[in-house]
């Protein structure tokens, strides 16, 4: 009888000691960084991002992410462009039979600023003189450029959805592949971008 009481007391104490550890693993802050290829509009481009977030439970969390597109092109009429997006995302993790594997899905939205440069050539003073050889009203140097390459910038609503898998490689550090679809609802033109890459995440 006494031995049984002692065993039950030991089980209760071990369970109480394990509860804070489990709770600590189920919630907490995290940071992550990602690098990806961007597909969907024009040529393949490069993107990167960084995020901070908090897990309220294994199935509910929120991330604030900044996504950068340092150099991308949409079509043959543009020299290129750049963009940055600020996103708020709901993140849900799924249970896994092994502790080192954590699949997750995410979705949310925010705003994005995109600057695009059109691919119109510049004319020089020499070009003008060849077009009007008999007209001397253009006192310009033959090498001086006339005009400038036009560009435009706009702020768009950004919607995103995606997912990935984290592999715990050391302590609370995890890396893994991810894929994210992002829709930019622009004033001039909507953009559909798919980011395929990898991220590294650390849980506090």
Protein backbone atom coordinates (compact mmCIF):
# COMPACT_ATOMS: atom_id res chain seq x y z
CA UNK A 1 0.00 0.00 0.00
CA UNK A 2 2.73 2.42 1.01
CA UNK A 3 4.75 1.42 -2.05
CA UNK A 4 1.74 2.13 -4.28
CA UNK A 5 1.21 5.56 -2.73
CA UNK A 6 4.87 6.39 -3.20
CA UNK A 7 4.72 5.32 -6.87
CA UNK A 8 1.60 7.42 -7.47
CA UNK A 9 3.20 10.42 -5.76
CA UNK A 10 6.31 10.03 -7.91
CA UNK A 11 4.21 9.92 -11.09
CA UNK A 12 2.35 13.10 -10.06
CA UNK A 13 5.60 14.92 -9.29
CA UNK A 14 7.18 13.88 -12.59
CA UNK A 15 4.08 14.96 -14.48
CA UNK A 16 4.06 18.34 -12.73
CA UNK A 17 7.74 18.82 -13.52
CA UNK A 18 7.19 17.95 -17.17
CA UNK A 19 4.24 20.31 -17.68
CA UNK A 20 6.25 23.58 -17.75
CA UNK A 21 8.69 22.04 -20.25
CA UNK A 22 5.87 20.96 -22.52
CA UNK A 23 4.20 24.35 -22.20
CA UNK A 24 7.47 26.06 -23.02
CA UNK A 25 7.81 23.97 -26.18
CA UNK A 26 4.20 24.68 -27.22
CA UNK A 27 4.47 28.48 -27.24
CA UNK A 28 7.05 31.21 -27.45
CA UNK A 29 8.74 33.69 -29.76
CA UNK A 30 10.57 32.79 -32.96
CA UNK A 31 12.60 34.49 -35.68
CA UNK A 32 13.31 33.28 -39.20
CA UNK A 33 15.05 34.22 -42.42
CA UNK A 34 14.39 32.90 -45.93
CA UNK A 35 15.96 32.86 -49.38
CA UNK A 36 13.98 31.87 -52.46
CA UNK A 37 13.54 31.90 -56.19
CA UNK A 38 10.55 33.91 -57.40
CA UNK A 39 8.49 32.64 -60.33
CA UNK A 40 5.30 33.70 -62.07
CA UNK A 41 6.00 36.99 -63.85
CA UNK A 42 8.72 37.25 -66.46
CA UNK A 43 12.08 35.66 -65.72
CA UNK A 44 12.97 33.81 -62.53
CA UNK A 45 14.12 36.24 -59.86
CA UNK A 46 15.61 36.21 -56.37
CA UNK A 47 13.81 37.04 -53.15
CA UNK A 48 14.64 37.10 -49.46
CA UNK A 49 12.76 37.72 -46.25
CA UNK A 50 12.92 37.99 -42.50
CA UNK A 51 10.21 37.44 -39.90
CA UNK A 52 9.50 37.65 -36.18
CA UNK A 53 6.54 35.94 -34.57
CA UNK A 54 4.97 34.29 -31.58
CA UNK A 55 3.34 30.87 -31.09
CA UNK A 56 0.35 30.99 -28.76
CA UNK A 57 -0.12 27.21 -29.15
CA UNK A 58 1.13 24.51 -31.57
CA UNK A 59 -1.82 25.30 -33.87
CA UNK A 60 -1.97 29.09 -33.61
CA UNK A 61 0.69 31.71 -34.11
CA UNK A 62 1.37 34.96 -35.91
CA UNK A 63 4.35 36.15 -37.94
CA UNK A 64 5.33 39.63 -39.15
CA UNK A 65 7.47 39.27 -42.28
CA UNK A 66 9.35 41.63 -44.58
CA UNK A 67 9.90 40.27 -48.11
CA UNK A 68 12.39 41.88 -50.48
CA UNK A 69 12.60 41.55 -54.28
CA UNK A 70 15.87 43.32 -55.09
CA UNK A 71 15.82 42.82 -58.87
CA UNK A 72 13.00 41.41 -60.98
CA UNK A 73 11.48 41.90 -64.45
CA UNK A 74 7.88 41.45 -65.57
CA UNK A 75 8.07 41.59 -69.38
CA UNK A 76 10.28 42.62 -72.29
CA UNK A 77 9.20 46.27 -72.04
CA UNK A 78 10.82 46.73 -68.62
CA UNK A 79 14.44 46.95 -67.63
CA UNK A 80 13.58 45.57 -64.22
CA UNK A 81 12.30 46.64 -60.87
CA UNK A 82 12.40 46.09 -57.16
CA UNK A 83 9.85 45.64 -54.45
CA UNK A 84 9.30 45.15 -50.75
CA UNK A 85 6.28 43.70 -48.92
CA UNK A 86 5.22 43.95 -45.27
CA UNK A 87 3.04 40.98 -44.27
CA UNK A 88 1.12 39.74 -41.23
CA UNK A 89 0.51 35.98 -41.35
CA UNK A 90 -1.39 33.42 -39.29
CA UNK A 91 0.72 30.27 -38.83
CA UNK A 92 -0.53 26.81 -37.84
CA UNK A 93 1.75 23.86 -37.13
CA UNK A 94 0.71 20.21 -37.46
CA UNK A 95 1.59 17.39 -35.06
CA UNK A 96 4.30 15.03 -36.23
CA UNK A 97 5.21 11.51 -35.07
CA UNK A 98 8.83 12.66 -34.67
CA UNK A 99 9.96 15.69 -32.67
CA UNK A 100 12.46 16.89 -35.28
CA UNK A 101 9.85 17.35 -38.05
CA UNK A 102 7.31 20.22 -37.99
CA UNK A 103 5.04 20.88 -41.00
CA UNK A 104 3.18 24.19 -41.08
CA UNK A 105 0.85 26.32 -43.19
CA UNK A 106 0.47 30.09 -43.24
CA UNK A 107 -1.74 32.77 -44.74
CA UNK A 108 -2.26 36.48 -44.43
CA UNK A 109 -1.78 39.81 -46.12
CA UNK A 110 -0.27 43.25 -46.01
CA UNK A 111 1.04 45.94 -48.33
CA UNK A 112 3.75 45.93 -50.99
CA UNK A 113 5.60 48.73 -52.75
CA UNK A 114 6.81 47.94 -56.27
CA UNK A 115 9.01 50.15 -58.47
CA UNK A 116 9.23 49.27 -62.17
CA UNK A 117 11.56 50.74 -64.80
CA UNK A 118 10.41 50.79 -68.44
CA UNK A 119 12.83 49.73 -71.19
CA UNK A 120 12.71 52.80 -73.45
CA UNK A 121 16.08 53.85 -74.99
CA UNK A 122 17.53 57.28 -74.39
CA UNK A 123 18.20 59.61 -77.31
CA UNK A 124 21.32 61.74 -77.65
CA UNK A 125 21.95 65.06 -79.32
CA UNK A 126 23.57 63.21 -82.21
CA UNK A 127 20.38 61.21 -82.80
CA UNK A 128 18.33 64.43 -82.99
CA UNK A 129 20.76 65.98 -85.48
CA UNK A 130 20.56 62.92 -87.71
CA UNK A 131 16.74 63.06 -87.63
CA UNK A 132 16.72 66.78 -88.53
CA UNK A 133 19.92 67.37 -90.57
CA UNK A 134 18.75 70.70 -92.01
CA UNK A 135 17.44 72.17 -88.77
CA UNK A 136 19.99 73.99 -86.59
CA UNK A 137 17.66 74.78 -83.69
CA UNK A 138 19.09 72.03 -81.48
CA UNK A 139 22.17 73.48 -79.77
CA UNK A 140 22.98 70.26 -77.91
CA UNK A 141 26.12 68.25 -77.51
CA UNK A 142 26.10 65.04 -79.65
CA UNK A 143 26.77 62.87 -76.60
CA UNK A 144 24.28 64.44 -74.20
CA UNK A 145 21.29 62.17 -73.43
CA UNK A 146 17.86 63.65 -74.04
CA UNK A 147 15.00 62.46 -71.87
CA UNK A 148 15.20 59.74 -69.26
CA UNK A 149 14.06 56.17 -68.82
CA UNK A 150 10.51 56.37 -67.37
CA UNK A 151 9.52 54.44 -64.26
CA UNK A 152 6.57 54.03 -61.97
CA UNK A 153 5.99 53.01 -58.39
CA UNK A 154 2.82 51.86 -56.66
CA UNK A 155 1.67 50.51 -53.32
CA UNK A 156 -0.45 47.38 -53.60
CA UNK A 157 -2.51 45.13 -51.39
CA UNK A 158 -0.62 41.84 -50.89
CA UNK A 159 -2.23 38.48 -50.12
CA UNK A 160 -0.18 35.38 -49.36
CA UNK A 161 -0.65 31.68 -48.60
CA UNK A 162 1.87 28.87 -48.31
CA UNK A 163 3.54 26.27 -46.16
CA UNK A 164 6.66 24.30 -45.48
CA UNK A 165 8.48 21.84 -43.26
CA UNK A 166 10.99 22.61 -40.47
CA UNK A 167 13.71 20.07 -39.63
CA UNK A 168 15.28 20.57 -36.21
CA UNK A 169 19.01 20.29 -36.75
CA UNK A 170 20.44 21.59 -33.47
CA UNK A 171 18.68 22.61 -30.27
CA UNK A 172 15.95 25.09 -31.20
CA UNK A 173 17.37 25.83 -34.65
CA UNK A 174 15.47 24.43 -37.64
CA UNK A 175 15.83 24.65 -41.42
CA UNK A 176 13.61 23.41 -44.22
CA UNK A 177 11.96 24.05 -47.59
CA UNK A 178 8.94 26.27 -48.07
CA UNK A 179 6.69 27.52 -50.87
CA UNK A 180 4.55 30.66 -50.80
CA UNK A 181 2.12 32.18 -53.29
CA UNK A 182 1.74 35.97 -53.20
CA UNK A 183 -0.86 38.06 -55.05
CA UNK A 184 -0.21 41.79 -55.49
CA UNK A 185 -3.38 43.71 -56.33
CA UNK A 186 -1.88 46.68 -58.14
CA UNK A 187 -3.35 49.84 -59.64
CA UNK A 188 -1.83 49.23 -63.09
CA UNK A 189 -1.48 45.45 -63.13
CA UNK A 190 -1.91 42.52 -60.72
CA UNK A 191 1.18 40.40 -60.08
CA UNK A 192 1.20 36.69 -59.21
CA UNK A 193 4.44 35.54 -57.58
CA UNK A 194 5.44 32.11 -56.28
CA UNK A 195 8.40 31.92 -53.90
CA UNK A 196 10.16 28.53 -53.67
CA UNK A 197 13.10 28.29 -51.32
CA UNK A 198 14.22 27.53 -47.79
CA UNK A 199 14.16 29.17 -44.39
CA UNK A 200 16.02 28.95 -41.12
CA UNK A 201 14.04 29.47 -37.91
CA UNK A 202 14.98 29.73 -34.24
CA UNK A 203 12.50 29.26 -31.38
CA UNK A 204 13.04 30.94 -28.05
